[in-house]
Amino acid sequence: MSNAEKGAQALGRAKLRNSTTVFLVGNIEPTMEWYTQLGFASEYYPPGFAILRRDEVEIFLQQESGYVVPDDLKISRQLCPQDYGMMEFDVMDLNGHRLVFAQAIPK
């Protein structure tokens, strides 16, 4: 057990081991289709829940009645180098969630 784990355990806190992104969506089926075009496999769990997977990335979708989609769906940032050594671009999904795609810039 690492020192950080021992410290957290001594304070009576549970150790966090993972995190999963959950996106609220207005209509789950078109959202699943959109992510399929990015190479994600999807599994639907009625009513109104889906899990999307691609490689080591997992995204949960939760359908919410009355969800309002923002009106600025687009590539929000063109491909560009970042000061911290990554080449990145952003896109907005059909529910207004920003996805950042990044790759390390070779040194």
PDB file of N, CA and C in Angstrom:
ATOM      1  N   MET A   1       0.852  -1.176   0.000  1.00  0.00           N
ATOM      2  CA  MET A   1       0.000   0.000   0.000  1.00  0.00           C
ATOM      3  C   MET A   1       0.897   1.238   0.000  1.00  0.00           C
ATOM      4  N   SER A   2       0.596   2.195  -0.860  1.00  0.00           N
ATOM      5  CA  SER A   2       1.404   3.409  -0.957  1.00  0.00           C
ATOM      6  C   SER A   2       1.176   4.310   0.255  1.00  0.00           C
ATOM      7  N   ASN A   3       2.070   5.290   0.428  1.00  0.00           N
ATOM      8  CA  ASN A   3       1.922   6.240   1.527  1.00  0.00           C
ATOM      9  C   ASN A   3       0.625   7.023   1.411  1.00  0.00           C
ATOM     10  N   ALA A   4       0.245   7.399   0.173  1.00  0.00           N
ATOM     11  CA  ALA A   4      -1.008   8.142  -0.031  1.00  0.00           C
ATOM     12  C   ALA A   4      -2.202   7.300   0.394  1.00  0.00           C
ATOM     13  N   GLU A   5      -2.176   6.006   0.041  1.00  0.00           N
ATOM     14  CA  GLU A   5      -3.274   5.115   0.426  1.00  0.00           C
ATOM     15  C   GLU A   5      -3.342   4.959   1.936  1.00  0.00           C
ATOM     16  N   LYS A   6      -2.179   4.808   2.579  1.00  0.00           N
ATOM     17  CA  LYS A   6      -2.146   4.678   4.042  1.00  0.00           C
ATOM     18  C   LYS A   6      -2.671   5.946   4.700  1.00  0.00           C
ATOM     19  N   GLY A   7      -2.287   7.113   4.155  1.00  0.00           N
ATOM     20  CA  GLY A   7      -2.756   8.389   4.708  1.00  0.00           C
ATOM     21  C   GLY A   7      -4.257   8.538   4.592  1.00  0.00           C
ATOM     22  N   ALA A   8      -4.797   8.195   3.420  1.00  0.00           N
ATOM     23  CA  ALA A   8      -6.252   8.284   3.212  1.00  0.00           C
ATOM     24  C   ALA A   8      -6.980   7.318   4.128  1.00  0.00           C
ATOM     25  N   GLN A   9      -6.421   6.121   4.272  1.00  0.00           N
ATOM     26  CA  GLN A   9      -7.054   5.120   5.128  1.00  0.00           C
ATOM     27  C   GLN A   9      -7.025   5.569   6.587  1.00  0.00           C
ATOM     28  N   ALA A  10      -5.906   6.183   7.004  1.00  0.00           N
ATOM     29  CA  ALA A  10      -5.790   6.658   8.384  1.00  0.00           C
ATOM     30  C   ALA A  10      -6.805   7.750   8.678  1.00  0.00           C
ATOM     31  N   LEU A  11      -7.149   8.556   7.686  1.00  0.00           N
ATOM     32  CA  LEU A  11      -8.126   9.619   7.873  1.00  0.00           C
ATOM     33  C   LEU A  11      -9.564   9.113   7.739  1.00  0.00           C
ATOM     34  N   GLY A  12      -9.728   7.826   7.482  1.00  0.00           N
ATOM     35  CA  GLY A  12     -11.060   7.262   7.352  1.00  0.00           C
ATOM     36  C   GLY A  12     -11.728   7.556   6.021  1.00  0.00           C
ATOM     37  N   ARG A  13     -10.942   7.913   5.004  1.00  0.00           N
ATOM     38  CA  ARG A  13     -11.509   8.209   3.692  1.00  0.00           C
ATOM     39  C   ARG A  13     -11.345   7.007   2.775  1.00  0.00           C
ATOM     40  N   ALA A  14     -12.326   6.803   1.918  1.00  0.00           N
ATOM     41  CA  ALA A  14     -12.232   5.747   0.919  1.00  0.00           C
ATOM     42  C   ALA A  14     -11.283   6.187  -0.185  1.00  0.00           C
ATOM     43  N   LYS A  15     -10.524   5.257  -0.734  1.00  0.00           N
ATOM     44  CA  LYS A  15      -9.627   5.559  -1.837  1.00  0.00           C
ATOM     45  C   LYS A  15     -10.417   5.567  -3.139  1.00  0.00           C
ATOM     46  N   LEU A  16     -10.276   6.646  -3.914  1.00  0.00           N
ATOM     47  CA  LEU A  16     -10.916   6.715  -5.227  1.00  0.00           C
ATOM     48  C   LEU A  16     -10.045   5.976  -6.222  1.00  0.00           C
ATOM     49  N   ARG A  17     -10.648   5.102  -7.010  1.00  0.00           N
ATOM     50  CA  ARG A  17      -9.881   4.290  -7.950  1.00  0.00           C
ATOM     51  C   ARG A  17     -10.196   4.588  -9.404  1.00  0.00           C
ATOM     52  N   ASN A  18     -11.328   5.250  -9.662  1.00  0.00           N
ATOM     53  CA  ASN A  18     -11.724   5.479 -11.038  1.00  0.00           C
ATOM     54  C   ASN A  18     -12.796   6.560 -11.072  1.00  0.00           C
ATOM     55  N   SER A  19     -12.990   7.122 -12.251  1.00  0.00           N
ATOM     56  CA  SER A  19     -14.037   8.109 -12.456  1.00  0.00           C
ATOM     57  C   SER A  19     -14.657   7.864 -13.820  1.00  0.00           C
ATOM     58  N   THR A  20     -15.958   8.023 -13.912  1.00  0.00           N
ATOM     59  CA  THR A  20     -16.640   7.860 -15.186  1.00  0.00           C
ATOM     60  C   THR A  20     -17.436   9.117 -15.488  1.00  0.00           C
ATOM     61  N   THR A  21     -17.315   9.593 -16.706  1.00  0.00           N
ATOM     62  CA  THR A  21     -18.058  10.760 -17.146  1.00  0.00           C
ATOM     63  C   THR A  21     -19.505  10.367 -17.419  1.00  0.00           C
ATOM     64  N   VAL A  22     -20.450  11.165 -16.901  1.00  0.00           N
ATOM     65  CA  VAL A  22     -21.872  10.958 -17.162  1.00  0.00           C
ATOM     66  C   VAL A  22     -22.398  12.212 -17.849  1.00  0.00           C
ATOM     67  N   PHE A  23     -22.908  12.060 -19.068  1.00  0.00           N
ATOM     68  CA  PHE A  23     -23.497  13.169 -19.809  1.00  0.00           C
ATOM     69  C   PHE A  23     -25.013  13.075 -19.738  1.00  0.00           C
ATOM     70  N   LEU A  24     -25.657  14.187 -19.368  1.00  0.00           N
ATOM     71  CA  LEU A  24     -27.109  14.265 -19.456  1.00  0.00           C
ATOM     72  C   LEU A  24     -27.466  14.564 -20.902  1.00  0.00           C
ATOM     73  N   VAL A  25     -28.489  13.886 -21.424  1.00  0.00           N
ATOM     74  CA  VAL A  25     -28.894  14.056 -22.818  1.00  0.00           C
ATOM     75  C   VAL A  25     -30.408  14.147 -22.907  1.00  0.00           C
ATOM     76  N   GLY A  26     -30.883  14.767 -23.985  1.00  0.00           N
ATOM     77  CA  GLY A  26     -32.310  14.887 -24.206  1.00  0.00           C
ATOM     78  C   GLY A  26     -32.897  13.663 -24.875  1.00  0.00           C
ATOM     79  N   ASN A  27     -32.178  13.070 -25.822  1.00  0.00           N
ATOM     80  CA  ASN A  27     -32.656  11.907 -26.558  1.00  0.00           C
ATOM     81  C   ASN A  27     -31.479  10.949 -26.722  1.00  0.00           C
ATOM     82  N   ILE A  28     -31.551   9.837 -26.072  1.00  0.00           N
ATOM     83  CA  ILE A  28     -30.397   8.949 -25.960  1.00  0.00           C
ATOM     84  C   ILE A  28     -30.010   8.252 -27.265  1.00  0.00           C
ATOM     85  N   GLU A  29     -30.987   7.866 -28.097  1.00  0.00           N
ATOM     86  CA  GLU A  29     -30.668   7.103 -29.308  1.00  0.00           C
ATOM     87  C   GLU A  29     -29.799   7.884 -30.299  1.00  0.00           C
ATOM     88  N   PRO A  30     -30.140   9.141 -30.650  1.00  0.00           N
ATOM     89  CA  PRO A  30     -29.260   9.881 -31.564  1.00  0.00           C
ATOM     90  C   PRO A  30     -27.882  10.140 -30.970  1.00  0.00           C
ATOM     91  N   THR A  31     -27.818  10.277 -29.649  1.00  0.00           N
ATOM     92  CA  THR A  31     -26.524  10.491 -28.998  1.00  0.00           C
ATOM     93  C   THR A  31     -25.662   9.239 -29.122  1.00  0.00           C
ATOM     94  N   MET A  32     -26.265   8.080 -28.924  1.00  0.00           N
ATOM     95  CA  MET A  32     -25.525   6.824 -29.092  1.00  0.00           C
ATOM     96  C   MET A  32     -25.005   6.710 -30.519  1.00  0.00           C
ATOM     97  N   GLU A  33     -25.834   7.056 -31.488  1.00  0.00           N
ATOM     98  CA  GLU A  33     -25.429   7.001 -32.904  1.00  0.00           C
ATOM     99  C   GLU A  33     -24.259   7.952 -33.177  1.00  0.00           C
ATOM    100  N   TRP A  34     -24.323   9.158 -32.623  1.00  0.00           N
ATOM    101  CA  TRP A  34     -23.260  10.151 -32.831  1.00  0.00           C
ATOM    102  C   TRP A  34     -21.924   9.622 -32.327  1.00  0.00           C
ATOM    103  N   TYR A  35     -21.917   9.031 -31.141  1.00  0.00           N
ATOM    104  CA  TYR A  35     -20.674   8.503 -30.575  1.00  0.00           C
ATOM    105  C   TYR A  35     -20.205   7.252 -31.316  1.00  0.00           C
ATOM    106  N   THR A  36     -21.124   6.491 -31.895  1.00  0.00           N
ATOM    107  CA  THR A  36     -20.743   5.345 -32.716  1.00  0.00           C
ATOM    108  C   THR A  36     -19.904   5.800 -33.908  1.00  0.00           C
ATOM    109  N   GLN A  37     -20.225   6.968 -34.455  1.00  0.00           N
ATOM    110  CA  GLN A  37     -19.450   7.518 -35.576  1.00  0.00           C
ATOM    111  C   GLN A  37     -18.030   7.891 -35.148  1.00  0.00           C
ATOM    112  N   LEU A  38     -17.802   8.072 -33.839  1.00  0.00           N
ATOM    113  CA  LEU A  38     -16.450   8.334 -33.322  1.00  0.00           C
ATOM    114  C   LEU A  38     -15.741   7.040 -32.922  1.00  0.00           C
ATOM    115  N   GLY A  39     -16.378   5.907 -33.194  1.00  0.00           N
ATOM    116  CA  GLY A  39     -15.750   4.621 -32.914  1.00  0.00           C
ATOM    117  C   GLY A  39     -16.126   3.998 -31.578  1.00  0.00           C
ATOM    118  N   PHE A  40     -17.096   4.575 -30.871  1.00  0.00           N
ATOM    119  CA  PHE A  40     -17.527   4.010 -29.596  1.00  0.00           C
ATOM    120  C   PHE A  40     -18.536   2.897 -29.833  1.00  0.00           C
ATOM    121  N   ALA A  41     -18.451   1.842 -29.043  1.00  0.00           N
ATOM    122  CA  ALA A  41     -19.483   0.810 -29.009  1.00  0.00           C
ATOM    123  C   ALA A  41     -20.466   1.221 -27.924  1.00  0.00           C
ATOM    124  N   SER A  42     -21.751   0.935 -28.127  1.00  0.00           N
ATOM    125  CA  SER A  42     -22.737   1.381 -27.150  1.00  0.00           C
ATOM    126  C   SER A  42     -23.641   0.236 -26.718  1.00  0.00           C
ATOM    127  N   GLU A  43     -24.047   0.294 -25.454  1.00  0.00           N
ATOM    128  CA  GLU A  43     -25.009  -0.645 -24.895  1.00  0.00           C
ATOM    129  C   GLU A  43     -26.112   0.176 -24.241  1.00  0.00           C
ATOM    130  N   TYR A  44     -27.355  -0.124 -24.576  1.00  0.00           N
ATOM    131  CA  TYR A  44     -28.503   0.605 -24.034  1.00  0.00           C
ATOM    132  C   TYR A  44     -29.120  -0.189 -22.891  1.00  0.00           C
ATOM    133  N   TYR A  45     -29.408   0.507 -21.809  1.00  0.00           N
ATOM    134  CA  TYR A  45     -30.035  -0.091 -20.637  1.00  0.00           C
ATOM    135  C   TYR A  45     -31.293   0.706 -20.316  1.00  0.00           C
ATOM    136  N   PRO A  46     -32.444   0.270 -20.844  1.00  0.00           N
ATOM    137  CA  PRO A  46     -33.675   1.018 -20.595  1.00  0.00           C
ATOM    138  C   PRO A  46     -33.991   1.064 -19.107  1.00  0.00           C
ATOM    139  N   PRO A  47     -34.631   2.101 -18.634  1.00  0.00           N
ATOM    140  CA  PRO A  47     -35.058   3.264 -19.416  1.00  0.00           C
ATOM    141  C   PRO A  47     -34.033   4.397 -19.358  1.00  0.00           C
ATOM    142  N   GLY A  48     -33.591   4.856 -20.505  1.00  0.00           N
ATOM    143  CA  GLY A  48     -32.820   6.083 -20.604  1.00  0.00           C
ATOM    144  C   GLY A  48     -31.401   6.079 -20.091  1.00  0.00           C
ATOM    145  N   PHE A  49     -30.673   4.976 -20.247  1.00  0.00           N
ATOM    146  CA  PHE A  49     -29.279   4.928 -19.803  1.00  0.00           C
ATOM    147  C   PHE A  49     -28.472   4.123 -20.802  1.00  0.00           C
ATOM    148  N   ALA A  50     -27.248   4.573 -21.078  1.00  0.00           N
ATOM    149  CA  ALA A  50     -26.373   3.841 -22.006  1.00  0.00           C
ATOM    150  C   ALA A  50     -24.927   3.964 -21.547  1.00  0.00           C
ATOM    151  N   ILE A  51     -24.144   2.975 -21.931  1.00  0.00           N
ATOM    152  CA  ILE A  51     -22.703   2.992 -21.689  1.00  0.00           C
ATOM    153  C   ILE A  51     -22.010   2.947 -23.042  1.00  0.00           C
ATOM    154  N   LEU A  52     -21.097   3.883 -23.245  1.00  0.00           N
ATOM    155  CA  LEU A  52     -20.301   3.957 -24.472  1.00  0.00           C
ATOM    156  C   LEU A  52     -18.864   3.591 -24.121  1.00  0.00           C
ATOM    157  N   ARG A  53     -18.233   2.772 -24.981  1.00  0.00           N
ATOM    158  CA  ARG A  53     -16.837   2.365 -24.725  1.00  0.00           C
ATOM    159  C   ARG A  53     -16.023   2.434 -26.006  1.00  0.00           C
ATOM    160  N   ARG A  54     -14.810   2.939 -25.844  1.00  0.00           N
ATOM    161  CA  ARG A  54     -13.816   2.879 -26.910  1.00  0.00           C
ATOM    162  C   ARG A  54     -12.455   2.800 -26.237  1.00  0.00           C
ATOM    163  N   ASP A  55     -11.718   1.752 -26.535  1.00  0.00           N
ATOM    164  CA  ASP A  55     -10.416   1.510 -25.919  1.00  0.00           C
ATOM    165  C   ASP A  55     -10.554   1.583 -24.399  1.00  0.00           C
ATOM    166  N   GLU A  56      -9.832   2.484 -23.743  1.00  0.00           N
ATOM    167  CA  GLU A  56      -9.877   2.598 -22.290  1.00  0.00           C
ATOM    168  C   GLU A  56     -10.834   3.687 -21.806  1.00  0.00           C
ATOM    169  N   VAL A  57     -11.621   4.270 -22.718  1.00  0.00           N
ATOM    170  CA  VAL A  57     -12.529   5.365 -22.362  1.00  0.00           C
ATOM    171  C   VAL A  57     -13.954   4.831 -22.236  1.00  0.00           C
ATOM    172  N   GLU A  58     -14.621   5.254 -21.166  1.00  0.00           N
ATOM    173  CA  GLU A  58     -16.005   4.861 -20.932  1.00  0.00           C
ATOM    174  C   GLU A  58     -16.804   6.120 -20.604  1.00  0.00           C
ATOM    175  N   ILE A  59     -17.953   6.294 -21.262  1.00  0.00           N
ATOM    176  CA  ILE A  59     -18.848   7.430 -21.039  1.00  0.00           C
ATOM    177  C   ILE A  59     -20.242   6.880 -20.771  1.00  0.00           C
ATOM    178  N   PHE A  60     -20.894   7.420 -19.757  1.00  0.00           N
ATOM    179  CA  PHE A  60     -22.277   7.049 -19.466  1.00  0.00           C
ATOM    180  C   PHE A  60     -23.189   8.145 -19.997  1.00  0.00           C
ATOM    181  N   LEU A  61     -24.322   7.751 -20.542  1.00  0.00           N
ATOM    182  CA  LEU A  61     -25.360   8.685 -20.976  1.00  0.00           C
ATOM    183  C   LEU A  61     -26.587   8.483 -20.115  1.00  0.00           C
ATOM    184  N   GLN A  62     -27.145   9.573 -19.629  1.00  0.00           N
ATOM    185  CA  GLN A  62     -28.365   9.517 -18.838  1.00  0.00           C
ATOM    186  C   GLN A  62     -29.382  10.448 -19.468  1.00  0.00           C
ATOM    187  N   GLN A  63     -30.479   9.887 -19.966  1.00  0.00           N
ATOM    188  CA  GLN A  63     -31.528  10.710 -20.578  1.00  0.00           C
ATOM    189  C   GLN A  63     -32.283  11.462 -19.498  1.00  0.00           C
ATOM    190  N   GLU A  64     -32.470  12.771 -19.721  1.00  0.00           N
ATOM    191  CA  GLU A  64     -33.182  13.610 -18.763  1.00  0.00           C
ATOM    192  C   GLU A  64     -34.317  14.337 -19.465  1.00  0.00           C
ATOM    193  N   SER A  65     -35.506  14.154 -18.961  1.00  0.00           N
ATOM    194  CA  SER A  65     -36.664  14.820 -19.538  1.00  0.00           C
ATOM    195  C   SER A  65     -36.496  16.332 -19.426  1.00  0.00           C
ATOM    196  N   GLY A  66     -36.760  17.046 -20.517  1.00  0.00           N
ATOM    197  CA  GLY A  66     -36.667  18.493 -20.515  1.00  0.00           C
ATOM    198  C   GLY A  66     -35.280  19.051 -20.753  1.00  0.00           C
ATOM    199  N   TYR A  67     -34.299  18.189 -21.056  1.00  0.00           N
ATOM    200  CA  TYR A  67     -32.938  18.671 -21.321  1.00  0.00           C
ATOM    201  C   TYR A  67     -32.952  19.593 -22.535  1.00  0.00           C
ATOM    202  N   VAL A  68     -32.299  20.733 -22.423  1.00  0.00           N
ATOM    203  CA  VAL A  68     -32.246  21.707 -23.518  1.00  0.00           C
ATOM    204  C   VAL A  68     -30.848  21.694 -24.111  1.00  0.00           C
ATOM    205  N   VAL A  69     -30.775  21.456 -25.412  1.00  0.00           N
ATOM    206  CA  VAL A  69     -29.489  21.388 -26.117  1.00  0.00           C
ATOM    207  C   VAL A  69     -29.009  22.796 -26.455  1.00  0.00           C
ATOM    208  N   PRO A  70     -27.734  23.132 -26.146  1.00  0.00           N
ATOM    209  CA  PRO A  70     -27.201  24.432 -26.555  1.00  0.00           C
ATOM    210  C   PRO A  70     -27.198  24.545 -28.075  1.00  0.00           C
ATOM    211  N   ASP A  71     -27.206  25.761 -28.592  1.00  0.00           N
ATOM    212  CA  ASP A  71     -27.304  25.948 -30.042  1.00  0.00           C
ATOM    213  C   ASP A  71     -25.961  26.183 -30.736  1.00  0.00           C
ATOM    214  N   ASP A  72     -24.833  25.930 -30.071  1.00  0.00           N
ATOM    215  CA  ASP A  72     -23.528  26.200 -30.686  1.00  0.00           C
ATOM    216  C   ASP A  72     -22.718  24.921 -30.914  1.00  0.00           C
ATOM    217  N   LEU A  73     -23.342  23.920 -31.555  1.00  0.00           N
ATOM    218  CA  LEU A  73     -22.679  22.641 -31.796  1.00  0.00           C
ATOM    219  C   LEU A  73     -21.744  22.759 -32.987  1.00  0.00           C
ATOM    220  N   LYS A  74     -20.442  22.589 -32.755  1.00  0.00           N
ATOM    221  CA  LYS A  74     -19.448  22.785 -33.811  1.00  0.00           C
ATOM    222  C   LYS A  74     -18.092  22.373 -33.315  1.00  0.00           C
ATOM    223  N   ILE A  75     -17.108  22.441 -34.232  1.00  0.00           N
ATOM    224  CA  ILE A  75     -15.721  22.342 -33.785  1.00  0.00           C
ATOM    225  C   ILE A  75     -15.437  23.651 -33.083  1.00  0.00           C
ATOM    226  N   SER A  76     -15.174  23.581 -31.793  1.00  0.00           N
ATOM    227  CA  SER A  76     -15.052  24.807 -31.017  1.00  0.00           C
ATOM    228  C   SER A  76     -13.620  25.309 -30.926  1.00  0.00           C
ATOM    229  N   ARG A  77     -12.644  24.446 -31.249  1.00  0.00           N
ATOM    230  CA  ARG A  77     -11.252  24.885 -31.267  1.00  0.00           C
ATOM    231  C   ARG A  77     -10.519  24.056 -32.314  1.00  0.00           C
ATOM    232  N   GLN A  78      -9.933  24.730 -33.267  1.00  0.00           N
ATOM    233  CA  GLN A  78      -9.191  24.053 -34.319  1.00  0.00           C
ATOM    234  C   GLN A  78      -7.933  23.390 -33.746  1.00  0.00           C
ATOM    235  N   LEU A  79      -7.378  22.441 -34.483  1.00  0.00           N
ATOM    236  CA  LEU A  79      -6.156  21.757 -34.083  1.00  0.00           C
ATOM    237  C   LEU A  79      -5.046  22.772 -33.834  1.00  0.00           C
ATOM    238  N   CYS A  80      -4.460  22.733 -32.641  1.00  0.00           N
ATOM    239  CA  CYS A  80      -3.398  23.687 -32.316  1.00  0.00           C
ATOM    240  C   CYS A  80      -2.528  23.143 -31.188  1.00  0.00           C
ATOM    241  N   PRO A  81      -1.229  23.527 -31.199  1.00  0.00           N
ATOM    242  CA  PRO A  81      -0.325  23.085 -30.134  1.00  0.00           C
ATOM    243  C   PRO A  81      -0.598  23.865 -28.849  1.00  0.00           C
ATOM    244  N   GLN A  82      -0.416  23.179 -27.733  1.00  0.00           N
ATOM    245  CA  GLN A  82      -0.601  23.795 -26.414  1.00  0.00           C
ATOM    246  C   GLN A  82       0.762  23.965 -25.735  1.00  0.00           C
ATOM    247  N   ASP A  83       0.853  24.937 -24.842  1.00  0.00           N
ATOM    248  CA  ASP A  83       2.106  25.204 -24.134  1.00  0.00           C
ATOM    249  C   ASP A  83       2.580  24.029 -23.299  1.00  0.00           C
ATOM    250  N   TYR A  84       1.669  23.138 -22.930  1.00  0.00           N
ATOM    251  CA  TYR A  84       2.019  21.998 -22.086  1.00  0.00           C
ATOM    252  C   TYR A  84       2.374  20.744 -22.896  1.00  0.00           C
ATOM    253  N   GLY A  85       2.665  20.921 -24.192  1.00  0.00           N
ATOM    254  CA  GLY A  85       3.196  19.831 -24.997  1.00  0.00           C
ATOM    255  C   GLY A  85       2.194  18.921 -25.666  1.00  0.00           C
ATOM    256  N   MET A  86       0.950  19.369 -25.809  1.00  0.00           N
ATOM    257  CA  MET A  86      -0.068  18.555 -26.465  1.00  0.00           C
ATOM    258  C   MET A  86      -0.590  19.266 -27.702  1.00  0.00           C
ATOM    259  N   MET A  87      -0.958  18.489 -28.720  1.00  0.00           N
ATOM    260  CA  MET A  87      -1.657  18.986 -29.899  1.00  0.00           C
ATOM    261  C   MET A  87      -3.119  18.620 -29.682  1.00  0.00           C
ATOM    262  N   GLU A  88      -4.024  19.623 -29.716  1.00  0.00           N
ATOM    263  CA  GLU A  88      -5.414  19.384 -29.343  1.00  0.00           C
ATOM    264  C   GLU A  88      -6.398  20.059 -30.284  1.00  0.00           C
ATOM    265  N   PHE A  89      -7.615  19.517 -30.309  1.00  0.00           N
ATOM    266  CA  PHE A  89      -8.761  20.206 -30.882  1.00  0.00           C
ATOM    267  C   PHE A  89      -9.995  19.802 -30.090  1.00  0.00           C
ATOM    268  N   ASP A  90     -11.025  20.644 -30.123  1.00  0.00           N
ATOM    269  CA  ASP A  90     -12.263  20.405 -29.384  1.00  0.00           C
ATOM    270  C   ASP A  90     -13.426  20.281 -30.360  1.00  0.00           C
ATOM    271  N   VAL A  91     -14.382  19.425 -30.017  1.00  0.00           N
ATOM    272  CA  VAL A  91     -15.660  19.360 -30.726  1.00  0.00           C
ATOM    273  C   VAL A  91     -16.775  19.352 -29.689  1.00  0.00           C
ATOM    274  N   MET A  92     -17.961  19.773 -30.125  1.00  0.00           N
ATOM    275  CA  MET A  92     -19.141  19.732 -29.266  1.00  0.00           C
ATOM    276  C   MET A  92     -20.043  18.616 -29.782  1.00  0.00           C
ATOM    277  N   ASP A  93     -20.520  17.756 -28.871  1.00  0.00           N
ATOM    278  CA  ASP A  93     -21.453  16.721 -29.322  1.00  0.00           C
ATOM    279  C   ASP A  93     -22.845  17.311 -29.482  1.00  0.00           C
ATOM    280  N   LEU A  94     -23.811  16.504 -29.912  1.00  0.00           N
ATOM    281  CA  LEU A  94     -25.126  17.029 -30.198  1.00  0.00           C
ATOM    282  C   LEU A  94     -25.914  17.438 -28.962  1.00  0.00           C
ATOM    283  N   ASN A  95     -25.348  17.236 -27.777  1.00  0.00           N
ATOM    284  CA  ASN A  95     -25.966  17.687 -26.530  1.00  0.00           C
ATOM    285  C   ASN A  95     -25.221  18.860 -25.906  1.00  0.00           C
ATOM    286  N   GLY A  96     -24.221  19.374 -26.624  1.00  0.00           N
ATOM    287  CA  GLY A  96     -23.478  20.524 -26.137  1.00  0.00           C
ATOM    288  C   GLY A  96     -22.313  20.196 -25.222  1.00  0.00           C
ATOM    289  N   HIS A  97     -21.905  18.923 -25.157  1.00  0.00           N
ATOM    290  CA  HIS A  97     -20.770  18.529 -24.329  1.00  0.00           C
ATOM    291  C   HIS A  97     -19.480  18.692 -25.133  1.00  0.00           C
ATOM    292  N   ARG A  98     -18.489  19.326 -24.532  1.00  0.00           N
ATOM    293  CA  ARG A  98     -17.199  19.565 -25.203  1.00  0.00           C
ATOM    294  C   ARG A  98     -16.296  18.350 -25.020  1.00  0.00           C
ATOM    295  N   LEU A  99     -15.762  17.847 -26.136  1.00  0.00           N
ATOM    296  CA  LEU A  99     -14.791  16.761 -26.117  1.00  0.00           C
ATOM    297  C   LEU A  99     -13.460  17.305 -26.604  1.00  0.00           C
ATOM    298  N   VAL A 100     -12.413  17.040 -25.863  1.00  0.00           N
ATOM    299  CA  VAL A 100     -11.075  17.486 -26.243  1.00  0.00           C
ATOM    300  C   VAL A 100     -10.289  16.257 -26.680  1.00  0.00           C
ATOM    301  N   PHE A 101      -9.742  16.317 -27.887  1.00  0.00           N
ATOM    302  CA  PHE A 101      -8.897  15.254 -28.417  1.00  0.00           C
ATOM    303  C   PHE A 101      -7.461  15.757 -28.384  1.00  0.00           C
ATOM    304  N   ALA A 102      -6.573  14.964 -27.840  1.00  0.00           N
ATOM    305  CA  ALA A 102      -5.198  15.424 -27.639  1.00  0.00           C
ATOM    306  C   ALA A 102      -4.199  14.314 -27.918  1.00  0.00           C
ATOM    307  N   GLN A 103      -3.014  14.739 -28.328  1.00  0.00           N
ATOM    308  CA  GLN A 103      -1.900  13.828 -28.537  1.00  0.00           C
ATOM    309  C   GLN A 103      -0.632  14.564 -28.166  1.00  0.00           C
ATOM    310  N   ALA A 104       0.277  13.865 -27.509  1.00  0.00           N
ATOM    311  CA  ALA A 104       1.551  14.481 -27.133  1.00  0.00           C
ATOM    312  C   ALA A 104       2.328  14.880 -28.389  1.00  0.00           C
ATOM    313  N   ILE A 105       2.966  16.045 -28.335  1.00  0.00           N
ATOM    314  CA  ILE A 105       3.807  16.515 -29.442  1.00  0.00           C
ATOM    315  C   ILE A 105       5.190  15.884 -29.243  1.00  0.00           C
ATOM    316  N   PRO A 106       5.686  15.164 -30.264  1.00  0.00           N
ATOM    317  CA  PRO A 106       7.018  14.546 -30.128  1.00  0.00           C
ATOM    318  C   PRO A 106       8.082  15.613 -29.860  1.00  0.00           C
ATOM    319  N   LYS A 107       9.019  15.266 -29.004  1.00  0.00           N
ATOM    320  CA  LYS A 107      10.101  16.205 -28.672  1.00  0.00           C
ATOM    321  C   LYS A 107      11.290  16.016 -29.569  1.00  0.00           C
TER     322      LYS A 107
END
